[in-house]
Amino acid sequence: MKKGLNILRIVVATILLVAGLYLIFNKQITYALINHSQKTELSKKIEGSKHSSQADFDFENVKSLDNQTTVKSLSDDAAVIGKIAIPDLKIKLPIYEGLSNYGLAKGAGTMKAGEQMGEGNYSLAGHHMDDINVLFGQLENAKPGMKVYLTDGEKVYIYKIIEKKIITKYEVNYLDDVPDQKLLTLITCAEGGKTRYMVRGVLEKTMKLTGKTEHKLFL
């Protein structure tokens, strides 16, 4: 009886230890999975901006990232429609159409239907995590003058950051097109917060994508 009780105590202690370690390293596991996904997806060929009627653009449906969503995103086969790089912030991410939680677990998502790089106000959302080196975390350190590079697989669109500010989730006007301006708007999905970082850039020039440029900027 005593031996059985000791075994039970050991089993319970082991379970508690494993549960405790999981809680301690839960976010670290999530961040490691995200980093793995980013690198894997960046190596994929861009399939072009094929607009899907199934894409969801409702910001209210975006959830905070957890291990379950991150793990499921590994098997999500959503097409990579572009890539974004901000060298000064060490950001390199794939771009997906819409605001799928699986897409946002490994990259950035378009915020409006029918968006085209280099036209209107091209708007992207991405998660801002506790670890600022994950996804859009480094956007909090964006500064005017920094360059943002987008590619659709054929061209590279070079934007210069002109503004960064903290906005509320209700300030959706930043997604609107501005007459005669070609803009880029990046917005973070804050973990549990009501405020977001908004970074805006203006298109400076467009150039053809070459293998050398792609490797230097996006891989």
N, C-alpha and C. Protein backbone atom coordinates (compact mmCIF):
# COMPACT_ATOMS: atom_id res chain seq x y z
N MET A 1 0.84 -1.21 0.00
CA MET A 1 0.00 0.00 0.00
C MET A 1 0.87 1.25 0.00
N LYS A 2 1.91 1.20 0.87
CA LYS A 2 2.80 2.34 0.98
C LYS A 2 3.57 2.54 -0.32
N LYS A 3 4.00 1.41 -0.94
CA LYS A 3 4.73 1.48 -2.21
C LYS A 3 3.85 2.08 -3.30
N GLY A 4 2.58 1.65 -3.33
CA GLY A 4 1.66 2.18 -4.33
C GLY A 4 1.41 3.67 -4.14
N LEU A 5 1.35 4.11 -2.88
CA LEU A 5 1.14 5.52 -2.58
C LEU A 5 2.34 6.34 -3.02
N ASN A 6 3.53 5.81 -2.84
CA ASN A 6 4.75 6.52 -3.26
C ASN A 6 4.80 6.66 -4.78
N ILE A 7 4.38 5.58 -5.47
CA ILE A 7 4.35 5.64 -6.94
C ILE A 7 3.37 6.69 -7.41
N LEU A 8 2.21 6.73 -6.76
CA LEU A 8 1.20 7.73 -7.11
C LEU A 8 1.73 9.14 -6.91
N ARG A 9 2.45 9.35 -5.81
CA ARG A 9 3.02 10.67 -5.53
C ARG A 9 4.03 11.06 -6.61
N ILE A 10 4.83 10.09 -7.03
CA ILE A 10 5.83 10.36 -8.07
C ILE A 10 5.14 10.73 -9.39
N VAL A 11 4.08 9.99 -9.72
CA VAL A 11 3.35 10.27 -10.96
C VAL A 11 2.73 11.66 -10.92
N VAL A 12 2.09 11.99 -9.79
CA VAL A 12 1.46 13.30 -9.65
C VAL A 12 2.51 14.40 -9.73
N ALA A 13 3.65 14.19 -9.05
CA ALA A 13 4.72 15.19 -9.05
C ALA A 13 5.27 15.40 -10.46
N THR A 14 5.38 14.29 -11.22
CA THR A 14 5.88 14.37 -12.59
C THR A 14 4.92 15.16 -13.48
N ILE A 15 3.62 14.86 -13.32
CA ILE A 15 2.60 15.57 -14.10
C ILE A 15 2.63 17.06 -13.79
N LEU A 16 2.73 17.39 -12.51
CA LEU A 16 2.78 18.80 -12.12
C LEU A 16 4.03 19.48 -12.66
N LEU A 17 5.16 18.75 -12.65
CA LEU A 17 6.40 19.30 -13.17
C LEU A 17 6.29 19.59 -14.66
N VAL A 18 5.75 18.61 -15.40
CA VAL A 18 5.59 18.79 -16.85
C VAL A 18 4.64 19.94 -17.15
N ALA A 19 3.52 20.00 -16.39
CA ALA A 19 2.56 21.09 -16.59
C ALA A 19 3.19 22.44 -16.29
N GLY A 20 3.99 22.48 -15.23
CA GLY A 20 4.66 23.73 -14.87
C GLY A 20 5.64 24.17 -15.91
N LEU A 21 6.43 23.22 -16.43
CA LEU A 21 7.39 23.55 -17.48
C LEU A 21 6.68 24.04 -18.74
N TYR A 22 5.54 23.40 -19.05
CA TYR A 22 4.77 23.82 -20.22
C TYR A 22 4.29 25.25 -20.08
N LEU A 23 3.79 25.60 -18.89
CA LEU A 23 3.31 26.96 -18.68
C LEU A 23 4.45 27.96 -18.76
N ILE A 24 5.62 27.56 -18.24
CA ILE A 24 6.77 28.46 -18.25
C ILE A 24 7.27 28.71 -19.67
N PHE A 25 7.33 27.63 -20.44
CA PHE A 25 7.91 27.73 -21.78
C PHE A 25 6.87 27.79 -22.89
N ASN A 26 5.61 27.97 -22.54
CA ASN A 26 4.54 27.98 -23.52
C ASN A 26 4.77 29.01 -24.62
N LYS A 27 5.07 30.24 -24.23
CA LYS A 27 5.27 31.29 -25.24
C LYS A 27 6.55 31.06 -26.04
N GLN A 28 7.59 30.54 -25.36
CA GLN A 28 8.83 30.27 -26.08
C GLN A 28 8.60 29.23 -27.16
N ILE A 29 7.77 28.23 -26.85
CA ILE A 29 7.43 27.20 -27.84
C ILE A 29 6.68 27.83 -29.02
N THR A 30 5.72 28.70 -28.70
CA THR A 30 4.96 29.38 -29.74
C THR A 30 5.87 30.20 -30.64
N TYR A 31 6.78 30.97 -30.04
CA TYR A 31 7.68 31.81 -30.83
C TYR A 31 8.61 30.97 -31.70
N ALA A 32 9.07 29.83 -31.18
CA ALA A 32 9.93 28.96 -31.97
C ALA A 32 9.19 28.40 -33.18
N LEU A 33 7.93 28.03 -32.98
CA LEU A 33 7.11 27.52 -34.08
C LEU A 33 6.86 28.61 -35.13
N ILE A 34 6.61 29.82 -34.65
CA ILE A 34 6.38 30.94 -35.58
C ILE A 34 7.61 31.20 -36.43
N ASN A 35 8.78 31.24 -35.79
CA ASN A 35 10.02 31.48 -36.52
C ASN A 35 10.27 30.40 -37.56
N HIS A 36 9.96 29.16 -37.20
CA HIS A 36 10.12 28.05 -38.15
C HIS A 36 9.19 28.24 -39.34
N SER A 37 7.93 28.61 -39.06
CA SER A 37 6.94 28.80 -40.13
C SER A 37 7.34 29.93 -41.06
N GLN A 38 7.79 31.05 -40.48
CA GLN A 38 8.21 32.19 -41.29
C GLN A 38 9.26 31.80 -42.30
N LYS A 39 10.30 31.11 -41.84
CA LYS A 39 11.40 30.74 -42.72
C LYS A 39 10.94 29.76 -43.80
N THR A 40 10.09 28.82 -43.41
CA THR A 40 9.58 27.85 -44.37
C THR A 40 8.73 28.53 -45.44
N GLU A 41 7.85 29.42 -45.02
CA GLU A 41 6.95 30.09 -45.96
C GLU A 41 7.68 31.07 -46.86
N LEU A 42 8.72 31.72 -46.34
CA LEU A 42 9.49 32.66 -47.15
C LEU A 42 10.21 31.97 -48.31
N SER A 43 10.49 30.69 -48.13
CA SER A 43 11.18 29.95 -49.18
C SER A 43 10.23 29.52 -50.30
N LYS A 44 8.92 29.66 -50.08
CA LYS A 44 7.94 29.24 -51.07
C LYS A 44 7.85 30.25 -52.21
N LYS A 45 7.46 29.75 -53.37
CA LYS A 45 7.26 30.62 -54.51
C LYS A 45 5.96 31.40 -54.36
N ILE A 46 6.02 32.67 -54.70
CA ILE A 46 4.82 33.51 -54.65
C ILE A 46 3.87 33.09 -55.75
N GLU A 47 2.62 32.87 -55.38
CA GLU A 47 1.64 32.39 -56.36
C GLU A 47 0.85 33.51 -57.01
N GLY A 48 1.21 34.74 -56.70
CA GLY A 48 0.52 35.86 -57.32
C GLY A 48 -0.68 36.29 -56.52
N SER A 49 -1.18 37.47 -56.81
CA SER A 49 -2.30 38.03 -56.05
C SER A 49 -3.63 37.52 -56.58
N LYS A 50 -3.84 36.21 -56.43
CA LYS A 50 -5.12 35.63 -56.83
C LYS A 50 -6.15 35.88 -55.74
N HIS A 51 -7.14 36.68 -56.03
CA HIS A 51 -8.10 37.06 -55.01
C HIS A 51 -9.16 35.97 -54.84
N SER A 52 -9.38 35.61 -53.59
CA SER A 52 -10.31 34.53 -53.27
C SER A 52 -11.56 35.08 -52.60
N SER A 53 -12.69 34.52 -52.99
CA SER A 53 -13.95 34.94 -52.37
C SER A 53 -14.07 34.39 -50.95
N GLN A 54 -13.19 33.47 -50.58
CA GLN A 54 -13.23 32.86 -49.25
C GLN A 54 -12.43 33.66 -48.22
N ALA A 55 -11.65 34.63 -48.66
CA ALA A 55 -10.80 35.40 -47.74
C ALA A 55 -11.65 36.21 -46.76
N ASP A 56 -11.21 36.25 -45.51
CA ASP A 56 -11.92 36.96 -44.44
C ASP A 56 -11.14 38.24 -44.11
N PHE A 57 -11.82 39.37 -44.15
CA PHE A 57 -11.17 40.65 -43.86
C PHE A 57 -11.72 41.30 -42.59
N ASP A 58 -12.40 40.53 -41.76
CA ASP A 58 -13.00 41.06 -40.54
C ASP A 58 -11.97 41.04 -39.41
N PHE A 59 -11.50 42.22 -39.02
CA PHE A 59 -10.49 42.34 -37.97
C PHE A 59 -10.98 41.78 -36.65
N GLU A 60 -12.28 41.79 -36.44
CA GLU A 60 -12.84 41.31 -35.18
C GLU A 60 -12.66 39.80 -35.01
N ASN A 61 -12.40 39.10 -36.10
CA ASN A 61 -12.22 37.65 -36.02
C ASN A 61 -10.79 37.24 -35.72
N VAL A 62 -9.90 38.22 -35.64
CA VAL A 62 -8.49 37.92 -35.34
C VAL A 62 -8.33 37.62 -33.85
N LYS A 63 -7.74 36.47 -33.54
CA LYS A 63 -7.55 36.05 -32.15
C LYS A 63 -6.08 36.12 -31.75
N SER A 64 -5.84 36.23 -30.45
CA SER A 64 -4.47 36.17 -29.96
C SER A 64 -3.88 34.81 -30.29
N LEU A 65 -2.59 34.78 -30.59
CA LEU A 65 -1.96 33.53 -30.96
C LEU A 65 -1.74 32.62 -29.75
N ASP A 66 -1.96 31.33 -29.96
CA ASP A 66 -1.65 30.34 -28.95
C ASP A 66 -0.99 29.15 -29.66
N ASN A 67 -0.53 28.18 -28.87
CA ASN A 67 0.16 27.03 -29.47
C ASN A 67 -0.72 26.26 -30.43
N GLN A 68 -2.00 26.11 -30.08
CA GLN A 68 -2.90 25.33 -30.91
C GLN A 68 -3.04 25.93 -32.31
N THR A 69 -3.27 27.25 -32.36
CA THR A 69 -3.39 27.94 -33.65
C THR A 69 -2.08 27.88 -34.42
N THR A 70 -0.98 28.08 -33.70
CA THR A 70 0.33 28.07 -34.35
C THR A 70 0.64 26.71 -34.94
N VAL A 71 0.35 25.65 -34.20
CA VAL A 71 0.60 24.28 -34.70
C VAL A 71 -0.27 24.01 -35.93
N LYS A 72 -1.55 24.38 -35.87
CA LYS A 72 -2.45 24.14 -37.00
C LYS A 72 -2.02 24.93 -38.23
N SER A 73 -1.41 26.10 -38.01
CA SER A 73 -0.97 26.92 -39.14
C SER A 73 0.12 26.22 -39.96
N LEU A 74 0.83 25.28 -39.33
CA LEU A 74 1.91 24.58 -40.03
C LEU A 74 1.37 23.77 -41.20
N SER A 75 0.15 23.29 -41.08
CA SER A 75 -0.45 22.48 -42.15
C SER A 75 -1.40 23.28 -43.03
N ASP A 76 -1.55 24.56 -42.75
CA ASP A 76 -2.41 25.42 -43.56
C ASP A 76 -1.74 25.66 -44.91
N ASP A 77 -2.46 25.48 -46.00
CA ASP A 77 -1.86 25.57 -47.33
C ASP A 77 -2.23 26.86 -48.07
N ALA A 78 -2.52 27.91 -47.32
CA ALA A 78 -2.85 29.19 -47.96
C ALA A 78 -1.69 29.66 -48.83
N ALA A 79 -2.03 30.23 -49.99
CA ALA A 79 -1.01 30.68 -50.93
C ALA A 79 -0.28 31.92 -50.41
N VAL A 80 1.02 31.93 -50.62
CA VAL A 80 1.81 33.13 -50.35
C VAL A 80 1.63 34.07 -51.53
N ILE A 81 1.05 35.24 -51.30
CA ILE A 81 0.78 36.17 -52.41
C ILE A 81 1.82 37.28 -52.51
N GLY A 82 2.73 37.32 -51.56
CA GLY A 82 3.76 38.35 -51.57
C GLY A 82 4.68 38.21 -50.37
N LYS A 83 5.64 39.13 -50.29
CA LYS A 83 6.55 39.13 -49.15
C LYS A 83 6.86 40.58 -48.78
N ILE A 84 7.17 40.77 -47.50
CA ILE A 84 7.52 42.10 -47.00
C ILE A 84 8.84 42.02 -46.25
N ALA A 85 9.67 43.03 -46.41
CA ALA A 85 10.94 43.10 -45.69
C ALA A 85 11.20 44.54 -45.23
N ILE A 86 11.60 44.67 -43.97
CA ILE A 86 12.04 45.96 -43.43
C ILE A 86 13.42 45.72 -42.84
N PRO A 87 14.47 45.87 -43.62
CA PRO A 87 15.82 45.51 -43.17
C PRO A 87 16.25 46.16 -41.86
N ASP A 88 15.91 47.43 -41.65
CA ASP A 88 16.32 48.11 -40.43
C ASP A 88 15.70 47.49 -39.18
N LEU A 89 14.59 46.79 -39.33
CA LEU A 89 13.90 46.18 -38.20
C LEU A 89 14.03 44.65 -38.22
N LYS A 90 14.80 44.16 -39.19
CA LYS A 90 15.01 42.71 -39.33
C LYS A 90 13.68 41.95 -39.48
N ILE A 91 12.76 42.55 -40.22
CA ILE A 91 11.47 41.92 -40.50
C ILE A 91 11.48 41.33 -41.91
N LYS A 92 11.17 40.04 -42.00
CA LYS A 92 10.97 39.36 -43.28
C LYS A 92 9.78 38.42 -43.10
N LEU A 93 8.70 38.69 -43.83
CA LEU A 93 7.49 37.91 -43.64
C LEU A 93 6.79 37.60 -44.96
N PRO A 94 6.14 36.44 -45.03
CA PRO A 94 5.26 36.16 -46.17
C PRO A 94 3.97 36.95 -46.01
N ILE A 95 3.28 37.17 -47.10
CA ILE A 95 2.00 37.89 -47.08
C ILE A 95 0.91 36.95 -47.60
N TYR A 96 -0.23 36.97 -46.90
CA TYR A 96 -1.38 36.15 -47.29
C TYR A 96 -2.58 37.05 -47.53
N GLU A 97 -3.52 36.55 -48.32
CA GLU A 97 -4.73 37.33 -48.55
C GLU A 97 -5.67 37.18 -47.36
N GLY A 98 -6.16 38.31 -46.85
CA GLY A 98 -7.11 38.28 -45.75
C GLY A 98 -6.47 38.15 -44.39
N LEU A 99 -7.34 37.98 -43.38
CA LEU A 99 -6.90 38.00 -41.99
C LEU A 99 -7.15 36.65 -41.31
N SER A 100 -6.81 35.58 -41.99
CA SER A 100 -6.91 34.25 -41.41
C SER A 100 -5.99 34.14 -40.20
N ASN A 101 -6.48 33.56 -39.12
CA ASN A 101 -5.65 33.38 -37.94
C ASN A 101 -4.44 32.49 -38.22
N TYR A 102 -4.61 31.55 -39.14
CA TYR A 102 -3.49 30.67 -39.49
C TYR A 102 -2.44 31.43 -40.28
N GLY A 103 -2.89 32.29 -41.20
CA GLY A 103 -1.94 33.10 -41.95
C GLY A 103 -1.20 34.08 -41.06
N LEU A 104 -1.92 34.69 -40.14
CA LEU A 104 -1.31 35.66 -39.23
C LEU A 104 -0.41 35.00 -38.20
N ALA A 105 -0.45 33.67 -38.10
CA ALA A 105 0.44 32.95 -37.19
C ALA A 105 1.83 32.80 -37.78
N LYS A 106 1.98 33.15 -39.06
CA LYS A 106 3.29 32.99 -39.69
C LYS A 106 3.66 34.13 -40.64
N GLY A 107 2.78 35.14 -40.73
CA GLY A 107 3.10 36.25 -41.61
C GLY A 107 2.13 37.40 -41.47
N ALA A 108 2.05 38.20 -42.52
CA ALA A 108 1.14 39.36 -42.55
C ALA A 108 -0.03 39.07 -43.46
N GLY A 109 -1.16 39.77 -43.22
CA GLY A 109 -2.35 39.56 -44.02
C GLY A 109 -2.89 40.86 -44.59
N THR A 110 -3.46 40.79 -45.79
CA THR A 110 -4.06 41.98 -46.39
C THR A 110 -5.36 42.32 -45.66
N MET A 111 -5.64 43.59 -45.54
CA MET A 111 -6.77 44.04 -44.74
C MET A 111 -7.99 44.43 -45.56
N LYS A 112 -7.82 44.49 -46.88
CA LYS A 112 -8.93 44.87 -47.75
C LYS A 112 -8.95 43.97 -48.98
N ALA A 113 -10.14 43.71 -49.47
CA ALA A 113 -10.28 42.87 -50.66
C ALA A 113 -9.75 43.61 -51.89
N GLY A 114 -9.08 42.87 -52.76
CA GLY A 114 -8.65 43.43 -54.04
C GLY A 114 -7.45 44.33 -53.98
N GLU A 115 -6.70 44.32 -52.89
CA GLU A 115 -5.52 45.20 -52.78
C GLU A 115 -4.46 44.83 -53.82
N GLN A 116 -3.76 45.87 -54.32
CA GLN A 116 -2.66 45.67 -55.25
C GLN A 116 -1.46 46.48 -54.76
N MET A 117 -0.31 45.82 -54.69
CA MET A 117 0.91 46.54 -54.29
C MET A 117 1.19 47.68 -55.25
N GLY A 118 1.61 48.80 -54.69
CA GLY A 118 1.93 49.95 -55.52
C GLY A 118 0.75 50.79 -55.93
N GLU A 119 -0.44 50.39 -55.47
CA GLU A 119 -1.66 51.12 -55.82
C GLU A 119 -2.45 51.47 -54.56
N GLY A 120 -3.09 52.64 -54.57
CA GLY A 120 -3.95 53.04 -53.45
C GLY A 120 -3.24 53.00 -52.11
N ASN A 121 -3.93 52.49 -51.12
CA ASN A 121 -3.38 52.37 -49.76
C ASN A 121 -3.30 50.89 -49.43
N TYR A 122 -2.16 50.28 -49.75
CA TYR A 122 -1.97 48.85 -49.53
C TYR A 122 -1.80 48.63 -48.03
N SER A 123 -2.72 47.88 -47.42
CA SER A 123 -2.76 47.76 -45.95
C SER A 123 -2.56 46.33 -45.49
N LEU A 124 -1.66 46.16 -44.52
CA LEU A 124 -1.33 44.85 -43.98
C LEU A 124 -1.45 44.84 -42.47
N ALA A 125 -1.87 43.71 -41.94
CA ALA A 125 -1.93 43.51 -40.48
C ALA A 125 -0.98 42.40 -40.09
N GLY A 126 -0.47 42.49 -38.87
CA GLY A 126 0.41 41.45 -38.34
C GLY A 126 0.41 41.50 -36.83
N HIS A 127 0.69 40.38 -36.19
CA HIS A 127 0.66 40.31 -34.73
C HIS A 127 1.84 41.05 -34.10
N HIS A 128 1.55 41.73 -33.00
CA HIS A 128 2.58 42.33 -32.15
C HIS A 128 2.64 41.50 -30.88
N MET A 129 3.72 40.72 -30.73
CA MET A 129 3.85 39.78 -29.62
C MET A 129 4.69 40.36 -28.48
N ASP A 130 4.71 39.64 -27.35
CA ASP A 130 5.57 40.05 -26.23
C ASP A 130 7.04 40.05 -26.66
N ASP A 131 7.41 39.09 -27.49
CA ASP A 131 8.75 39.05 -28.06
C ASP A 131 8.73 39.91 -29.31
N ILE A 132 9.37 41.06 -29.26
CA ILE A 132 9.29 42.00 -30.37
C ILE A 132 10.01 41.51 -31.62
N ASN A 133 10.77 40.42 -31.50
CA ASN A 133 11.48 39.90 -32.66
C ASN A 133 10.63 38.93 -33.47
N VAL A 134 9.35 38.79 -33.11
CA VAL A 134 8.44 37.88 -33.80
C VAL A 134 7.40 38.68 -34.58
N LEU A 135 7.15 38.26 -35.84
CA LEU A 135 6.13 38.87 -36.69
C LEU A 135 6.27 40.39 -36.76
N PHE A 136 5.21 41.17 -36.41
CA PHE A 136 5.27 42.63 -36.50
C PHE A 136 5.74 43.29 -35.20
N GLY A 137 6.36 42.52 -34.31
CA GLY A 137 6.77 43.06 -33.02
C GLY A 137 7.69 44.27 -33.13
N GLN A 138 8.59 44.25 -34.10
CA GLN A 138 9.57 45.33 -34.22
C GLN A 138 8.99 46.62 -34.79
N LEU A 139 7.73 46.60 -35.21
CA LEU A 139 7.15 47.83 -35.76
C LEU A 139 7.13 48.96 -34.74
N GLU A 140 7.15 48.62 -33.46
CA GLU A 140 7.18 49.67 -32.44
C GLU A 140 8.46 50.50 -32.52
N ASN A 141 9.46 49.98 -33.20
CA ASN A 141 10.74 50.70 -33.34
C ASN A 141 10.89 51.34 -34.72
N ALA A 142 9.83 51.35 -35.50
CA ALA A 142 9.89 51.97 -36.83
C ALA A 142 10.11 53.47 -36.72
N LYS A 143 10.86 54.02 -37.67
CA LYS A 143 11.15 55.45 -37.68
C LYS A 143 10.99 56.00 -39.10
N PRO A 144 10.59 57.28 -39.20
CA PRO A 144 10.50 57.90 -40.53
C PRO A 144 11.83 57.79 -41.26
N GLY A 145 11.75 57.49 -42.54
CA GLY A 145 12.95 57.36 -43.35
C GLY A 145 13.34 55.92 -43.62
N MET A 146 12.90 55.00 -42.77
CA MET A 146 13.21 53.59 -42.99
C MET A 146 12.50 53.11 -44.25
N LYS A 147 13.12 52.14 -44.94
CA LYS A 147 12.57 51.62 -46.17
C LYS A 147 11.83 50.30 -45.91
N VAL A 148 10.71 50.14 -46.62
CA VAL A 148 9.92 48.90 -46.58
C VAL A 148 9.85 48.37 -48.00
N TYR A 149 10.15 47.08 -48.15
CA TYR A 149 10.16 46.46 -49.47
C TYR A 149 9.04 45.42 -49.55
N LEU A 150 8.25 45.51 -50.60
CA LEU A 150 7.22 44.52 -50.88
C LEU A 150 7.52 43.88 -52.23
N THR A 151 7.15 42.62 -52.38
CA THR A 151 7.25 42.01 -53.70
C THR A 151 6.03 41.12 -53.95
N ASP A 152 5.61 41.10 -55.21
CA ASP A 152 4.50 40.24 -55.63
C ASP A 152 5.02 39.10 -56.49
N GLY A 153 6.35 38.93 -56.48
CA GLY A 153 6.98 37.88 -57.27
C GLY A 153 7.48 38.35 -58.61
N GLU A 154 7.07 39.53 -59.02
CA GLU A 154 7.51 40.09 -60.29
C GLU A 154 8.23 41.42 -60.11
N LYS A 155 7.71 42.24 -59.22
CA LYS A 155 8.31 43.55 -58.98
C LYS A 155 8.61 43.74 -57.49
N VAL A 156 9.46 44.71 -57.20
CA VAL A 156 9.73 45.14 -55.83
C VAL A 156 9.21 46.56 -55.68
N TYR A 157 8.40 46.76 -54.66
CA TYR A 157 7.82 48.08 -54.39
C TYR A 157 8.50 48.65 -53.16
N ILE A 158 9.15 49.80 -53.33
CA ILE A 158 9.94 50.38 -52.25
C ILE A 158 9.20 51.58 -51.66
N TYR A 159 8.88 51.46 -50.38
CA TYR A 159 8.18 52.52 -49.66
C TYR A 159 9.11 53.14 -48.61
N LYS A 160 8.90 54.41 -48.34
CA LYS A 160 9.63 55.09 -47.26
C LYS A 160 8.65 55.40 -46.13
N ILE A 161 9.01 55.01 -44.92
CA ILE A 161 8.14 55.27 -43.77
C ILE A 161 8.09 56.78 -43.50
N ILE A 162 6.88 57.30 -43.33
CA ILE A 162 6.71 58.72 -43.07
C ILE A 162 6.03 58.98 -41.72
N GLU A 163 5.46 57.93 -41.12
CA GLU A 163 4.70 58.15 -39.89
C GLU A 163 4.55 56.87 -39.09
N LYS A 164 4.62 57.01 -37.77
CA LYS A 164 4.29 55.91 -36.86
C LYS A 164 3.51 56.50 -35.69
N LYS A 165 2.40 55.86 -35.34
CA LYS A 165 1.63 56.35 -34.21
C LYS A 165 0.83 55.22 -33.59
N ILE A 166 0.37 55.44 -32.37
CA ILE A 166 -0.49 54.48 -31.69
C ILE A 166 -1.93 54.89 -31.94
N ILE A 167 -2.73 53.93 -32.40
CA ILE A 167 -4.13 54.21 -32.69
C ILE A 167 -5.02 53.22 -31.93
N THR A 168 -6.30 53.51 -31.89
CA THR A 168 -7.25 52.58 -31.29
C THR A 168 -7.81 51.66 -32.38
N LYS A 169 -8.45 50.60 -31.96
CA LYS A 169 -9.01 49.66 -32.93
C LYS A 169 -10.18 50.25 -33.71
N TYR A 170 -10.66 51.40 -33.26
CA TYR A 170 -11.79 52.04 -33.93
C TYR A 170 -11.37 52.98 -35.06
N GLU A 171 -10.09 53.28 -35.16
CA GLU A 171 -9.61 54.23 -36.16
C GLU A 171 -9.35 53.53 -37.49
N VAL A 172 -10.41 53.03 -38.08
CA VAL A 172 -10.30 52.28 -39.33
C VAL A 172 -10.09 53.20 -40.53
N ASN A 173 -10.16 54.49 -40.31
CA ASN A 173 -9.97 55.44 -41.41
C ASN A 173 -8.57 55.34 -42.02
N TYR A 174 -7.63 54.77 -41.26
CA TYR A 174 -6.26 54.64 -41.79
C TYR A 174 -6.16 53.62 -42.91
N LEU A 175 -7.24 52.87 -43.14
CA LEU A 175 -7.25 51.91 -44.23
C LEU A 175 -7.76 52.52 -45.53
N ASP A 176 -8.33 53.73 -45.43
CA ASP A 176 -8.92 54.36 -46.61
C ASP A 176 -7.85 54.79 -47.60
N ASP A 177 -8.19 54.73 -48.87
CA ASP A 177 -7.31 55.28 -49.90
C ASP A 177 -7.28 56.80 -49.78
N VAL A 178 -6.16 57.39 -50.19
CA VAL A 178 -6.01 58.84 -50.20
C VAL A 178 -5.80 59.25 -51.65
N PRO A 179 -6.62 60.16 -52.16
CA PRO A 179 -6.51 60.55 -53.56
C PRO A 179 -5.10 60.95 -53.96
N ASP A 180 -4.65 60.43 -55.10
CA ASP A 180 -3.35 60.78 -55.69
C ASP A 180 -2.16 60.37 -54.84
N GLN A 181 -2.35 59.45 -53.90
CA GLN A 181 -1.23 58.97 -53.10
C GLN A 181 -1.15 57.45 -53.15
N LYS A 182 0.07 56.94 -53.23
CA LYS A 182 0.32 55.50 -53.20
C LYS A 182 0.98 55.18 -51.86
N LEU A 183 0.19 54.58 -50.97
CA LEU A 183 0.61 54.42 -49.59
C LEU A 183 0.73 52.95 -49.19
N LEU A 184 1.44 52.74 -48.10
CA LEU A 184 1.51 51.44 -47.44
C LEU A 184 1.15 51.68 -45.98
N THR A 185 0.22 50.91 -45.45
CA THR A 185 -0.17 51.04 -44.05
C THR A 185 -0.02 49.69 -43.37
N LEU A 186 0.77 49.67 -42.30
CA LEU A 186 1.01 48.46 -41.52
C LEU A 186 0.39 48.65 -40.14
N ILE A 187 -0.42 47.69 -39.71
CA ILE A 187 -1.11 47.80 -38.43
C ILE A 187 -0.90 46.52 -37.62
N THR A 188 -0.61 46.68 -36.35
CA THR A 188 -0.38 45.51 -35.49
C THR A 188 -1.67 45.04 -34.84
N CYS A 189 -1.75 43.73 -34.61
CA CYS A 189 -2.81 43.14 -33.82
C CYS A 189 -2.21 42.93 -32.43
N ALA A 190 -2.55 43.78 -31.48
CA ALA A 190 -1.93 43.71 -30.16
C ALA A 190 -2.54 42.60 -29.34
N GLU A 191 -1.69 41.90 -28.57
CA GLU A 191 -2.17 40.81 -27.71
C GLU A 191 -3.00 41.38 -26.56
N GLY A 192 -4.31 41.22 -26.66
CA GLY A 192 -5.19 41.62 -25.57
C GLY A 192 -5.35 43.11 -25.40
N GLY A 193 -4.78 43.92 -26.28
CA GLY A 193 -4.84 45.35 -26.11
C GLY A 193 -5.84 46.03 -27.03
N LYS A 194 -6.23 47.24 -26.67
CA LYS A 194 -7.18 48.00 -27.49
C LYS A 194 -6.46 48.97 -28.42
N THR A 195 -5.15 49.16 -28.21
CA THR A 195 -4.39 50.06 -29.06
C THR A 195 -3.49 49.27 -29.99
N ARG A 196 -3.11 49.93 -31.08
CA ARG A 196 -2.29 49.28 -32.10
C ARG A 196 -1.26 50.25 -32.63
N TYR A 197 -0.16 49.71 -33.11
CA TYR A 197 0.81 50.54 -33.82
C TYR A 197 0.38 50.64 -35.27
N MET A 198 0.46 51.85 -35.79
CA MET A 198 0.17 52.10 -37.19
C MET A 198 1.42 52.73 -37.81
N VAL A 199 1.93 52.10 -38.85
CA VAL A 199 3.10 52.63 -39.57
C VAL A 199 2.69 52.88 -41.00
N ARG A 200 2.99 54.07 -41.48
CA ARG A 200 2.59 54.44 -42.85
C ARG A 200 3.81 54.80 -43.68
N GLY A 201 3.78 54.33 -44.93
CA GLY A 201 4.85 54.66 -45.86
C GLY A 201 4.29 55.17 -47.17
N VAL A 202 5.15 55.80 -47.95
CA VAL A 202 4.76 56.31 -49.26
C VAL A 202 5.65 55.66 -50.30
N LEU A 203 5.06 55.30 -51.45
CA LEU A 203 5.81 54.62 -52.50
C LEU A 203 6.85 55.55 -53.10
N GLU A 204 8.11 55.06 -53.13
CA GLU A 204 9.19 55.84 -53.72
C GLU A 204 9.51 55.40 -55.14
N LYS A 205 9.60 54.07 -55.32
CA LYS A 205 9.88 53.57 -56.67
C LYS A 205 9.55 52.08 -56.76
N THR A 206 9.51 51.62 -57.99
CA THR A 206 9.24 50.22 -58.28
C THR A 206 10.33 49.70 -59.21
N MET A 207 10.77 48.47 -58.96
CA MET A 207 11.78 47.88 -59.84
C MET A 207 11.49 46.40 -60.03
N LYS A 208 12.09 45.81 -61.06
CA LYS A 208 11.90 44.40 -61.35
C LYS A 208 12.57 43.54 -60.29
N LEU A 209 11.92 42.44 -59.92
CA LEU A 209 12.50 41.51 -58.95
C LEU A 209 13.48 40.59 -59.66
N THR A 210 14.68 40.52 -59.14
CA THR A 210 15.69 39.59 -59.66
C THR A 210 15.99 38.56 -58.58
N GLY A 211 16.63 37.46 -58.99
CA GLY A 211 16.98 36.44 -58.02
C GLY A 211 17.90 36.98 -56.94
N LYS A 212 18.84 37.86 -57.32
CA LYS A 212 19.77 38.44 -56.37
C LYS A 212 19.05 39.32 -55.35
N THR A 213 18.10 40.14 -55.85
CA THR A 213 17.35 41.01 -54.97
C THR A 213 16.47 40.21 -54.03
N GLU A 214 15.84 39.17 -54.56
CA GLU A 214 14.98 38.34 -53.72
C GLU A 214 15.76 37.68 -52.60
N HIS A 215 16.93 37.15 -52.93
CA HIS A 215 17.74 36.49 -51.92
C HIS A 215 18.23 37.48 -50.86
N LYS A 216 18.61 38.67 -51.30
CA LYS A 216 19.12 39.67 -50.37
C LYS A 216 18.06 40.22 -49.44
N LEU A 217 16.87 40.46 -49.95
CA LEU A 217 15.83 41.12 -49.16
C LEU A 217 14.86 40.17 -48.47
N PHE A 218 14.46 39.12 -49.15
CA PHE A 218 13.30 38.36 -48.68
C PHE A 218 13.58 36.93 -48.20
N LEU A 219 14.81 36.44 -48.38
CA LEU A 219 15.10 35.06 -47.99
C LEU A 219 16.10 35.00 -46.84
